[in-house]
N, C-alpha and C. Protein backbone atom coordinates (compact mmCIF):
# COMPACT_ATOMS: atom_id res chain seq x y z
N UNK A 1 -222.70 136.47 116.66
CA UNK A 1 -222.68 135.02 116.56
C UNK A 1 -221.85 134.58 115.36
N UNK A 2 -222.03 135.31 114.23
CA UNK A 2 -221.27 135.00 113.03
C UNK A 2 -219.78 135.16 113.28
N UNK A 3 -219.41 136.23 113.98
CA UNK A 3 -218.01 136.48 114.28
C UNK A 3 -217.42 135.40 115.19
N UNK A 4 -218.19 134.94 116.16
CA UNK A 4 -217.72 133.89 117.07
C UNK A 4 -217.49 132.59 116.31
N UNK A 5 -218.39 132.26 115.38
CA UNK A 5 -218.24 131.05 114.58
C UNK A 5 -217.01 131.16 113.68
N UNK A 6 -216.82 132.30 113.06
CA UNK A 6 -215.67 132.53 112.19
C UNK A 6 -214.37 132.45 112.98
N UNK A 7 -214.37 133.05 114.17
CA UNK A 7 -213.19 133.00 115.02
C UNK A 7 -212.89 131.56 115.44
N UNK A 8 -213.90 130.80 115.79
CA UNK A 8 -213.72 129.41 116.20
C UNK A 8 -213.14 128.58 115.06
N UNK A 9 -213.66 128.75 113.86
CA UNK A 9 -213.17 128.00 112.70
C UNK A 9 -211.73 128.38 112.39
N UNK A 10 -211.43 129.66 112.47
CA UNK A 10 -210.07 130.13 112.22
C UNK A 10 -209.09 129.55 113.23
N UNK A 11 -209.44 129.60 114.51
CA UNK A 11 -208.56 129.06 115.54
C UNK A 11 -208.39 127.55 115.39
N UNK A 12 -209.46 126.85 115.04
CA UNK A 12 -209.38 125.41 114.83
C UNK A 12 -208.44 125.10 113.67
N UNK A 13 -208.56 125.86 112.60
CA UNK A 13 -207.68 125.66 111.44
C UNK A 13 -206.23 125.93 111.77
N UNK A 14 -205.96 126.99 112.50
CA UNK A 14 -204.59 127.30 112.88
C UNK A 14 -204.01 126.25 113.80
N UNK A 15 -204.81 125.76 114.72
CA UNK A 15 -204.35 124.72 115.63
C UNK A 15 -204.05 123.43 114.89
N UNK A 16 -204.91 123.06 113.96
CA UNK A 16 -204.72 121.83 113.19
C UNK A 16 -203.50 121.89 112.30
N UNK A 17 -203.18 123.07 111.78
CA UNK A 17 -202.05 123.22 110.88
C UNK A 17 -200.73 123.46 111.60
N UNK A 18 -200.81 123.78 112.88
CA UNK A 18 -199.60 124.09 113.63
C UNK A 18 -198.75 122.85 113.83
N UNK A 19 -197.44 123.01 113.61
CA UNK A 19 -196.51 121.91 113.86
C UNK A 19 -195.85 122.04 115.21
N UNK A 20 -196.10 123.13 115.91
CA UNK A 20 -195.46 123.36 117.19
C UNK A 20 -194.05 123.87 116.97
N UNK A 21 -193.44 124.33 118.04
CA UNK A 21 -192.09 124.85 117.98
C UNK A 21 -191.13 123.77 118.40
N UNK A 22 -190.19 123.45 117.53
CA UNK A 22 -189.22 122.42 117.84
C UNK A 22 -188.17 122.99 118.78
N UNK A 23 -187.83 122.24 119.81
CA UNK A 23 -186.82 122.67 120.76
C UNK A 23 -185.46 122.67 120.06
N UNK A 24 -184.81 123.82 120.04
CA UNK A 24 -183.54 123.95 119.36
C UNK A 24 -182.39 124.08 120.35
N UNK A 25 -182.57 123.56 121.57
CA UNK A 25 -181.48 123.61 122.53
C UNK A 25 -180.39 122.62 122.10
N UNK A 26 -179.23 122.73 122.68
CA UNK A 26 -178.08 121.90 122.35
C UNK A 26 -178.43 120.41 122.47
N UNK A 27 -178.37 119.71 121.34
CA UNK A 27 -178.68 118.28 121.31
C UNK A 27 -177.47 117.43 120.96
N UNK A 28 -176.27 118.01 121.07
CA UNK A 28 -175.08 117.28 120.65
C UNK A 28 -174.85 116.01 121.46
N UNK A 29 -175.27 115.97 122.70
CA UNK A 29 -175.08 114.77 123.53
C UNK A 29 -176.20 113.75 123.34
N UNK A 30 -177.26 114.14 122.65
CA UNK A 30 -178.41 113.25 122.48
C UNK A 30 -178.22 112.32 121.29
N UNK A 31 -178.65 111.07 121.44
CA UNK A 31 -178.61 110.19 120.28
C UNK A 31 -179.67 110.62 119.26
N UNK A 32 -179.48 110.21 118.03
CA UNK A 32 -180.48 110.48 117.00
C UNK A 32 -181.75 109.70 117.31
N UNK A 33 -182.85 110.13 116.75
CA UNK A 33 -184.10 109.38 116.90
C UNK A 33 -184.08 108.14 116.01
N UNK A 34 -185.25 107.61 115.71
CA UNK A 34 -185.34 106.40 114.90
C UNK A 34 -185.38 106.68 113.40
N UNK A 35 -185.60 107.93 113.02
CA UNK A 35 -185.65 108.27 111.59
C UNK A 35 -184.25 108.27 111.00
N UNK A 36 -184.13 107.85 109.73
CA UNK A 36 -182.80 107.81 109.10
C UNK A 36 -182.38 109.16 108.52
N UNK A 37 -182.60 110.24 109.27
CA UNK A 37 -182.24 111.58 108.78
C UNK A 37 -181.32 112.32 109.74
N UNK A 38 -180.52 111.56 110.48
CA UNK A 38 -179.65 112.14 111.49
C UNK A 38 -178.37 111.32 111.62
N UNK A 39 -177.26 112.01 111.81
CA UNK A 39 -175.98 111.36 112.09
C UNK A 39 -175.30 112.11 113.24
N UNK A 40 -174.49 111.38 114.02
CA UNK A 40 -173.87 111.99 115.19
C UNK A 40 -172.63 111.21 115.61
N UNK A 41 -171.65 111.95 116.09
CA UNK A 41 -170.47 111.29 116.66
C UNK A 41 -170.79 110.65 118.01
N UNK A 42 -171.92 111.00 118.60
CA UNK A 42 -172.30 110.49 119.91
C UNK A 42 -173.25 109.29 119.85
N UNK A 43 -173.74 108.96 118.67
CA UNK A 43 -174.68 107.85 118.52
C UNK A 43 -173.89 106.60 118.12
N UNK A 44 -174.10 105.52 118.85
CA UNK A 44 -173.32 104.30 118.61
C UNK A 44 -173.94 103.38 117.55
N UNK A 45 -175.20 103.62 117.16
CA UNK A 45 -175.83 102.76 116.16
C UNK A 45 -175.19 103.03 114.79
N UNK A 46 -174.81 101.97 114.07
CA UNK A 46 -174.07 102.14 112.81
C UNK A 46 -174.74 103.07 111.79
N UNK A 47 -176.07 103.02 111.70
CA UNK A 47 -176.77 103.84 110.71
C UNK A 47 -176.75 105.34 111.05
N UNK A 48 -176.40 105.67 112.29
CA UNK A 48 -176.37 107.07 112.73
C UNK A 48 -174.97 107.54 113.12
N UNK A 49 -174.05 106.62 113.33
CA UNK A 49 -172.74 106.94 113.89
C UNK A 49 -171.80 107.60 112.90
N UNK A 50 -171.08 108.60 113.40
CA UNK A 50 -169.97 109.23 112.67
C UNK A 50 -168.69 108.94 113.43
N UNK A 51 -167.61 108.71 112.72
CA UNK A 51 -166.31 108.55 113.35
C UNK A 51 -165.95 109.86 114.05
N UNK A 52 -165.16 109.78 115.11
CA UNK A 52 -164.79 110.99 115.86
C UNK A 52 -164.05 112.01 114.98
N UNK A 53 -164.22 113.27 115.32
CA UNK A 53 -163.49 114.38 114.71
C UNK A 53 -162.47 114.83 115.76
N UNK A 54 -161.19 114.58 115.53
CA UNK A 54 -160.15 114.97 116.48
C UNK A 54 -159.49 116.27 116.01
N UNK A 55 -159.68 117.32 116.80
CA UNK A 55 -159.16 118.63 116.46
C UNK A 55 -157.66 118.73 116.71
N UNK A 56 -156.99 119.52 115.90
CA UNK A 56 -155.59 119.85 116.18
C UNK A 56 -155.55 120.81 117.36
N UNK A 57 -154.42 120.86 118.03
CA UNK A 57 -154.26 121.73 119.20
C UNK A 57 -154.56 123.18 118.84
N UNK A 58 -155.29 123.86 119.71
CA UNK A 58 -155.54 125.28 119.58
C UNK A 58 -156.65 125.68 118.63
N UNK A 59 -157.34 124.72 118.02
CA UNK A 59 -158.42 125.05 117.10
C UNK A 59 -159.60 125.63 117.88
N UNK A 60 -160.17 126.71 117.34
CA UNK A 60 -161.29 127.38 117.99
C UNK A 60 -162.58 127.14 117.23
N UNK A 61 -163.68 127.38 117.91
CA UNK A 61 -164.99 127.26 117.27
C UNK A 61 -165.15 128.29 116.15
N UNK A 62 -164.53 129.45 116.31
CA UNK A 62 -164.58 130.47 115.25
C UNK A 62 -163.95 129.95 113.96
N UNK A 63 -162.86 129.21 114.07
CA UNK A 63 -162.21 128.65 112.89
C UNK A 63 -163.10 127.60 112.22
N UNK A 64 -163.72 126.76 113.04
CA UNK A 64 -164.62 125.73 112.51
C UNK A 64 -165.82 126.40 111.84
N UNK A 65 -166.38 127.41 112.48
CA UNK A 65 -167.52 128.14 111.92
C UNK A 65 -167.18 128.73 110.56
N UNK A 66 -166.01 129.32 110.43
CA UNK A 66 -165.61 129.94 109.16
C UNK A 66 -165.57 128.92 108.04
N UNK A 67 -165.13 127.71 108.34
CA UNK A 67 -165.10 126.64 107.33
C UNK A 67 -166.52 126.24 106.94
N UNK A 68 -167.38 126.05 107.91
CA UNK A 68 -168.76 125.62 107.64
C UNK A 68 -169.51 126.67 106.83
N UNK A 69 -169.33 127.93 107.16
CA UNK A 69 -170.08 129.00 106.50
C UNK A 69 -169.65 129.25 105.05
N UNK A 70 -168.64 128.55 104.59
CA UNK A 70 -168.26 128.62 103.17
C UNK A 70 -169.26 127.86 102.30
N UNK A 71 -170.03 126.97 102.94
CA UNK A 71 -171.05 126.22 102.21
C UNK A 71 -172.22 127.14 101.85
N UNK A 72 -172.85 126.90 100.70
CA UNK A 72 -173.99 127.76 100.32
C UNK A 72 -175.20 127.54 101.23
N UNK A 73 -176.02 128.58 101.36
CA UNK A 73 -177.29 128.55 102.08
C UNK A 73 -177.12 128.12 103.54
N UNK A 74 -176.07 128.66 104.17
CA UNK A 74 -175.82 128.38 105.59
C UNK A 74 -175.88 129.68 106.37
N UNK A 75 -176.26 129.55 107.64
CA UNK A 75 -176.19 130.71 108.53
C UNK A 75 -176.04 130.21 109.96
N UNK A 76 -175.35 131.01 110.75
CA UNK A 76 -175.21 130.70 112.17
C UNK A 76 -176.51 131.04 112.86
N UNK A 77 -177.08 130.06 113.55
CA UNK A 77 -178.35 130.26 114.24
C UNK A 77 -178.16 130.46 115.74
N UNK A 78 -177.10 129.83 116.28
CA UNK A 78 -176.85 129.93 117.72
C UNK A 78 -175.37 129.68 117.95
N UNK A 79 -174.79 130.45 118.86
CA UNK A 79 -173.37 130.29 119.14
C UNK A 79 -173.07 130.68 120.58
N UNK A 80 -172.24 129.86 121.24
CA UNK A 80 -171.73 130.18 122.56
C UNK A 80 -170.24 129.86 122.55
N UNK A 81 -169.60 129.87 123.69
CA UNK A 81 -168.16 129.65 123.76
C UNK A 81 -167.74 128.30 123.18
N UNK A 82 -168.55 127.25 123.40
CA UNK A 82 -168.16 125.92 122.94
C UNK A 82 -169.22 125.21 122.10
N UNK A 83 -170.28 125.91 121.72
CA UNK A 83 -171.39 125.30 120.97
C UNK A 83 -171.76 126.18 119.79
N UNK A 84 -172.10 125.51 118.68
CA UNK A 84 -172.47 126.21 117.46
C UNK A 84 -173.57 125.43 116.75
N UNK A 85 -174.62 126.15 116.33
CA UNK A 85 -175.67 125.54 115.50
C UNK A 85 -175.76 126.33 114.20
N UNK A 86 -175.56 125.61 113.11
CA UNK A 86 -175.62 126.20 111.78
C UNK A 86 -176.85 125.62 111.07
N UNK A 87 -177.62 126.48 110.43
CA UNK A 87 -178.77 126.04 109.65
C UNK A 87 -178.38 125.96 108.18
N UNK A 88 -178.71 124.83 107.57
CA UNK A 88 -178.53 124.62 106.13
C UNK A 88 -179.92 124.62 105.51
N UNK A 89 -180.14 125.39 104.48
CA UNK A 89 -181.43 125.45 103.81
C UNK A 89 -181.28 124.85 102.42
N UNK A 90 -182.14 123.86 102.11
CA UNK A 90 -182.05 123.21 100.80
C UNK A 90 -182.44 124.19 99.70
N UNK A 91 -181.86 123.98 98.54
CA UNK A 91 -182.00 124.94 97.45
C UNK A 91 -183.43 125.04 96.92
N UNK A 92 -184.07 123.92 96.68
CA UNK A 92 -185.36 123.96 96.00
C UNK A 92 -186.53 123.98 96.99
N UNK A 93 -186.59 123.02 97.88
CA UNK A 93 -187.74 122.90 98.78
C UNK A 93 -187.61 123.76 100.04
N UNK A 94 -186.45 124.35 100.26
CA UNK A 94 -186.21 125.24 101.40
C UNK A 94 -186.33 124.54 102.76
N UNK A 95 -186.05 123.22 102.79
CA UNK A 95 -186.03 122.49 104.05
C UNK A 95 -184.81 122.95 104.86
N UNK A 96 -184.95 122.96 106.18
CA UNK A 96 -183.85 123.38 107.04
C UNK A 96 -183.32 122.17 107.80
N UNK A 97 -182.00 122.00 107.75
CA UNK A 97 -181.30 120.99 108.53
C UNK A 97 -180.43 121.72 109.53
N UNK A 98 -180.18 121.08 110.67
CA UNK A 98 -179.34 121.68 111.71
C UNK A 98 -178.05 120.90 111.84
N UNK A 99 -176.94 121.60 111.77
CA UNK A 99 -175.62 121.05 112.06
C UNK A 99 -175.21 121.62 113.40
N UNK A 100 -175.06 120.75 114.38
CA UNK A 100 -174.67 121.18 115.72
C UNK A 100 -173.26 120.71 116.01
N UNK A 101 -172.46 121.62 116.55
CA UNK A 101 -171.06 121.34 116.83
C UNK A 101 -170.73 121.79 118.25
N UNK A 102 -169.96 120.97 118.94
CA UNK A 102 -169.51 121.32 120.30
C UNK A 102 -168.06 120.87 120.43
N UNK A 103 -167.25 121.76 121.00
CA UNK A 103 -165.85 121.39 121.27
C UNK A 103 -165.76 120.91 122.71
N UNK A 104 -165.20 119.70 122.87
CA UNK A 104 -164.93 119.12 124.18
C UNK A 104 -163.48 118.65 124.16
N UNK A 105 -162.60 119.41 124.79
CA UNK A 105 -161.17 119.09 124.73
C UNK A 105 -160.68 119.23 123.30
N UNK A 106 -160.11 118.16 122.76
CA UNK A 106 -159.65 118.16 121.37
C UNK A 106 -160.63 117.42 120.46
N UNK A 107 -161.83 117.18 120.96
CA UNK A 107 -162.85 116.51 120.14
C UNK A 107 -163.89 117.51 119.66
N UNK A 108 -164.31 117.33 118.42
CA UNK A 108 -165.43 118.10 117.88
C UNK A 108 -166.62 117.16 117.84
N UNK A 109 -167.63 117.44 118.64
CA UNK A 109 -168.86 116.66 118.65
C UNK A 109 -169.71 117.18 117.50
N UNK A 110 -170.17 116.28 116.65
CA UNK A 110 -170.91 116.67 115.45
C UNK A 110 -172.26 115.96 115.45
N UNK A 111 -173.32 116.71 115.15
CA UNK A 111 -174.67 116.14 115.00
C UNK A 111 -175.34 116.90 113.87
N UNK A 112 -175.82 116.19 112.86
CA UNK A 112 -176.50 116.81 111.72
C UNK A 112 -177.82 116.10 111.52
N UNK A 113 -178.91 116.89 111.49
CA UNK A 113 -180.25 116.29 111.45
C UNK A 113 -181.21 117.15 110.64
N UNK A 114 -182.08 116.47 109.91
CA UNK A 114 -183.16 117.16 109.20
C UNK A 114 -184.26 117.50 110.20
N UNK A 115 -184.86 118.65 110.04
CA UNK A 115 -185.97 119.03 110.94
C UNK A 115 -187.26 118.34 110.56
N UNK A 116 -187.45 118.09 109.28
CA UNK A 116 -188.72 117.53 108.82
C UNK A 116 -188.47 116.28 107.98
N UNK A 117 -189.52 115.53 107.80
CA UNK A 117 -189.45 114.36 106.93
C UNK A 117 -188.93 113.14 107.65
N UNK A 118 -188.92 112.04 106.92
CA UNK A 118 -188.46 110.77 107.47
C UNK A 118 -187.02 110.49 107.04
N UNK A 119 -186.81 110.37 105.76
CA UNK A 119 -185.47 110.11 105.24
C UNK A 119 -184.91 111.38 104.61
N UNK A 120 -183.61 111.51 104.68
CA UNK A 120 -182.95 112.65 104.03
C UNK A 120 -182.12 112.20 102.84
N UNK A 121 -182.25 110.89 102.49
CA UNK A 121 -181.52 110.32 101.35
C UNK A 121 -180.02 110.47 101.51
N UNK A 122 -179.54 110.43 102.74
CA UNK A 122 -178.11 110.48 103.02
C UNK A 122 -177.49 111.87 103.04
N UNK A 123 -178.32 112.91 102.97
CA UNK A 123 -177.80 114.28 102.90
C UNK A 123 -176.97 114.64 104.14
N UNK A 124 -177.43 114.29 105.32
CA UNK A 124 -176.70 114.67 106.53
C UNK A 124 -175.38 113.91 106.66
N UNK A 125 -175.34 112.67 106.26
CA UNK A 125 -174.06 111.93 106.27
C UNK A 125 -173.09 112.55 105.26
N UNK A 126 -173.59 112.88 104.07
CA UNK A 126 -172.74 113.53 103.07
C UNK A 126 -172.23 114.87 103.59
N UNK A 127 -173.09 115.61 104.28
CA UNK A 127 -172.69 116.90 104.85
C UNK A 127 -171.58 116.70 105.88
N UNK A 128 -171.72 115.71 106.74
CA UNK A 128 -170.69 115.44 107.75
C UNK A 128 -169.38 115.00 107.08
N UNK A 129 -169.47 114.20 106.04
CA UNK A 129 -168.26 113.79 105.31
C UNK A 129 -167.59 114.98 104.65
N UNK A 130 -168.40 115.88 104.07
CA UNK A 130 -167.85 117.10 103.45
C UNK A 130 -167.22 118.00 104.50
N UNK A 131 -167.84 118.07 105.69
CA UNK A 131 -167.28 118.86 106.78
C UNK A 131 -165.92 118.29 107.19
N UNK A 132 -165.84 116.98 107.31
CA UNK A 132 -164.57 116.35 107.68
C UNK A 132 -163.48 116.69 106.65
N UNK A 133 -163.84 116.59 105.37
CA UNK A 133 -162.87 116.89 104.30
C UNK A 133 -162.43 118.36 104.36
N UNK A 134 -163.38 119.27 104.56
CA UNK A 134 -163.07 120.70 104.60
C UNK A 134 -162.22 121.05 105.82
N UNK A 135 -162.53 120.46 106.97
CA UNK A 135 -161.74 120.72 108.17
C UNK A 135 -160.34 120.14 108.03
N UNK A 136 -160.23 119.00 107.38
CA UNK A 136 -158.93 118.39 107.14
C UNK A 136 -158.10 119.26 106.19
N UNK A 137 -158.73 119.74 105.13
CA UNK A 137 -158.04 120.61 104.17
C UNK A 137 -157.56 121.90 104.83
N UNK A 138 -158.36 122.41 105.78
CA UNK A 138 -157.99 123.62 106.51
C UNK A 138 -157.01 123.34 107.65
N UNK A 139 -156.60 122.09 107.78
CA UNK A 139 -155.64 121.66 108.81
C UNK A 139 -156.18 121.89 110.23
N UNK A 140 -157.50 121.73 110.39
CA UNK A 140 -158.11 121.90 111.72
C UNK A 140 -158.32 120.58 112.45
N UNK A 141 -158.36 119.47 111.70
CA UNK A 141 -158.51 118.15 112.33
C UNK A 141 -157.36 117.24 111.89
N UNK A 142 -157.16 116.19 112.69
CA UNK A 142 -156.09 115.22 112.41
C UNK A 142 -156.56 114.19 111.42
């Protein structure tokens, strides 16, 4: 009886503390939610919208990935022929943000979002701006 009660309390505690598994499938075509912690080239709302990223002819996802991975605390989490998800981990609190990239023709679809919290204090927009500057410096975008 004691073991059953202990097991029940343990399972209840684990269930209450569980945040669930966030779906990490390709969300590049999806608009951002209502929280101010996401930016995207596909979202038309001004607070979430990024200007288009126009790739130079012949640019590959491998080239884009190499530029992104120069940033500290980054790692490739998922990659296919035309899709890339890079995880950025914050230095102190270890929060993870997702940068999702998809090549469609000569366009680079960009979506950057915090996994947790409400506001990111502009971190994802700054990240997208830094990405644009780095890709421009590498002569990968127009």
